[in-house]
Amino acid sequence: MENPSEPVNIIGGGIGGLALANALQLVGIDFRLFEQAPQLTEVGAGIGISTAAVDILERLGLGEQLKQDGKEFQKINFSKKI
């Protein structure tokens, strides 16, 4: 793929936007990331990601960070709020 003359605009600094920014950076494509929050911080919420998503994060060079900061669950129970 040829490097576009204009940077790619990414709207949102959530997990998708940051993953895209990381992927573009790895292949040398310029981007601009737009986020409404004044700074990126932890919000105290966890996220669950599938094995396929873990594979993608590993390909992006984030596997070791994921293993260091993440927690692998062997069993998850879902309950419906009444």
C-alpha atoms as a PDB file:
ATOM      1  CA  MET A   1       0.000   0.000   0.000  1.00  0.00           C
ATOM      2  CA  GLU A   2       1.270   3.407  -0.893  1.00  0.00           C
ATOM      3  CA  ASN A   3       1.583   5.980   1.896  1.00  0.00           C
ATOM      4  CA  PRO A   4      -1.281   8.478   1.422  1.00  0.00           C
ATOM      5  CA  SER A   5      -0.348  12.156   1.089  1.00  0.00           C
ATOM      6  CA  GLU A   6      -2.802  13.126   3.826  1.00  0.00           C
ATOM      7  CA  PRO A   7      -2.696  11.507   7.273  1.00  0.00           C
ATOM      8  CA  VAL A   8      -5.469   9.118   8.236  1.00  0.00           C
ATOM      9  CA  ASN A   9      -7.905  10.723  10.686  1.00  0.00           C
ATOM     10  CA  ILE A  10      -8.881   8.476  13.592  1.00  0.00           C
ATOM     11  CA  ILE A  11     -11.876   9.612  15.613  1.00  0.00           C
ATOM     12  CA  GLY A  12     -11.793   8.248  19.154  1.00  0.00           C
ATOM     13  CA  GLY A  13      -9.034   7.020  21.425  1.00  0.00           C
ATOM     14  CA  GLY A  14     -10.758   3.872  22.598  1.00  0.00           C
ATOM     15  CA  ILE A  15      -9.373   0.393  22.090  1.00  0.00           C
ATOM     16  CA  GLY A  16     -10.264   0.393  18.377  1.00  0.00           C
ATOM     17  CA  GLY A  17      -8.815   3.821  17.638  1.00  0.00           C
ATOM     18  CA  LEU A  18      -5.607   3.126  19.544  1.00  0.00           C
ATOM     19  CA  ALA A  19      -5.192  -0.295  17.899  1.00  0.00           C
ATOM     20  CA  LEU A  20      -5.607   1.318  14.485  1.00  0.00           C
ATOM     21  CA  ALA A  21      -3.097   4.044  15.370  1.00  0.00           C
ATOM     22  CA  ASN A  22      -0.612   1.385  16.469  1.00  0.00           C
ATOM     23  CA  ALA A  23      -1.090  -0.626  13.266  1.00  0.00           C
ATOM     24  CA  LEU A  24      -0.676   2.462  11.062  1.00  0.00           C
ATOM     25  CA  GLN A  25       2.456   3.459  12.953  1.00  0.00           C
ATOM     26  CA  LEU A  26       3.949  -0.015  12.435  1.00  0.00           C
ATOM     27  CA  VAL A  27       3.604   0.295   8.656  1.00  0.00           C
ATOM     28  CA  GLY A  28       4.692   3.935   8.490  1.00  0.00           C
ATOM     29  CA  ILE A  29       1.368   5.601   7.674  1.00  0.00           C
ATOM     30  CA  ASP A  30       0.816   9.037   9.213  1.00  0.00           C
ATOM     31  CA  PHE A  31      -2.327   9.550  11.255  1.00  0.00           C
ATOM     32  CA  ARG A  32      -4.079  12.078  13.464  1.00  0.00           C
ATOM     33  CA  LEU A  33      -5.963  10.822  16.493  1.00  0.00           C
ATOM     34  CA  PHE A  34      -8.903  12.887  17.735  1.00  0.00           C
ATOM     35  CA  GLU A  35     -10.264  12.255  21.230  1.00  0.00           C
ATOM     36  CA  GLN A  36     -12.711  14.399  23.209  1.00  0.00           C
ATOM     37  CA  ALA A  37     -11.206  13.544  26.623  1.00  0.00           C
ATOM     38  CA  PRO A  38      -8.404  15.900  27.684  1.00  0.00           C
ATOM     39  CA  GLN A  39      -6.203  12.903  28.568  1.00  0.00           C
ATOM     40  CA  LEU A  40      -6.378   9.131  28.330  1.00  0.00           C
ATOM     41  CA  THR A  41      -6.846   7.554  31.746  1.00  0.00           C
ATOM     42  CA  GLU A  42      -8.060   4.313  33.248  1.00  0.00           C
ATOM     43  CA  VAL A  43     -11.765   4.331  33.976  1.00  0.00           C
ATOM     44  CA  GLY A  44     -11.852   1.331  36.295  1.00  0.00           C
ATOM     45  CA  ALA A  45     -13.620  -0.914  33.818  1.00  0.00           C
ATOM     46  CA  GLY A  46     -12.332  -4.152  32.433  1.00  0.00           C
ATOM     47  CA  ILE A  47     -12.716  -5.432  28.912  1.00  0.00           C
ATOM     48  CA  GLY A  48     -12.899  -8.964  27.650  1.00  0.00           C
ATOM     49  CA  ILE A  49     -11.211  -9.816  24.386  1.00  0.00           C
ATOM     50  CA  SER A  50     -11.431 -12.956  22.317  1.00  0.00           C
ATOM     51  CA  THR A  51      -8.585 -15.227  21.310  1.00  0.00           C
ATOM     52  CA  ALA A  52      -8.714 -13.699  17.823  1.00  0.00           C
ATOM     53  CA  ALA A  53      -8.258 -10.216  19.300  1.00  0.00           C
ATOM     54  CA  VAL A  54      -5.317 -11.443  21.376  1.00  0.00           C
ATOM     55  CA  ASP A  55      -3.734 -12.794  18.182  1.00  0.00           C
ATOM     56  CA  ILE A  56      -4.119  -9.390  16.525  1.00  0.00           C
ATOM     57  CA  LEU A  57      -2.639  -7.569  19.515  1.00  0.00           C
ATOM     58  CA  GLU A  58       0.322  -9.957  19.430  1.00  0.00           C
ATOM     59  CA  ARG A  59       0.846  -9.192  15.723  1.00  0.00           C
ATOM     60  CA  LEU A  60       0.846  -5.495  16.609  1.00  0.00           C
ATOM     61  CA  GLY A  61       3.690  -6.113  19.047  1.00  0.00           C
ATOM     62  CA  LEU A  62       1.524  -5.758  22.152  1.00  0.00           C
ATOM     63  CA  GLY A  63       1.512  -9.383  23.308  1.00  0.00           C
ATOM     64  CA  GLU A  64       4.044  -8.987  26.103  1.00  0.00           C
ATOM     65  CA  GLN A  65       2.305  -5.870  27.444  1.00  0.00           C
ATOM     66  CA  LEU A  66      -1.007  -7.711  27.352  1.00  0.00           C
ATOM     67  CA  LYS A  67       0.454 -10.655  29.286  1.00  0.00           C
ATOM     68  CA  GLN A  68       2.039  -8.296  31.820  1.00  0.00           C
ATOM     69  CA  ASP A  69      -1.032  -6.116  32.450  1.00  0.00           C
ATOM     70  CA  GLY A  70      -3.875  -8.486  31.616  1.00  0.00           C
ATOM     71  CA  LYS A  71      -5.505 -11.363  33.423  1.00  0.00           C
ATOM     72  CA  GLU A  72      -6.516 -14.600  31.741  1.00  0.00           C
ATOM     73  CA  PHE A  73      -9.790 -16.138  32.892  1.00  0.00           C
ATOM     74  CA  GLN A  74     -10.528 -19.830  32.485  1.00  0.00           C
ATOM     75  CA  LYS A  75     -14.230 -19.506  33.280  1.00  0.00           C
ATOM     76  CA  ILE A  76     -16.675 -16.618  33.002  1.00  0.00           C
ATOM     77  CA  ASN A  77     -20.272 -16.592  34.222  1.00  0.00           C
ATOM     78  CA  PHE A  78     -22.821 -14.165  32.832  1.00  0.00           C
ATOM     79  CA  SER A  79     -25.937 -13.276  34.762  1.00  0.00           C
ATOM     80  CA  LYS A  80     -28.940 -11.234  33.778  1.00  0.00           C
ATOM     81  CA  LYS A  81     -29.767  -8.269  35.977  1.00  0.00           C
ATOM     82  CA  ILE A  82     -33.294  -8.538  37.364  1.00  0.00           C
END
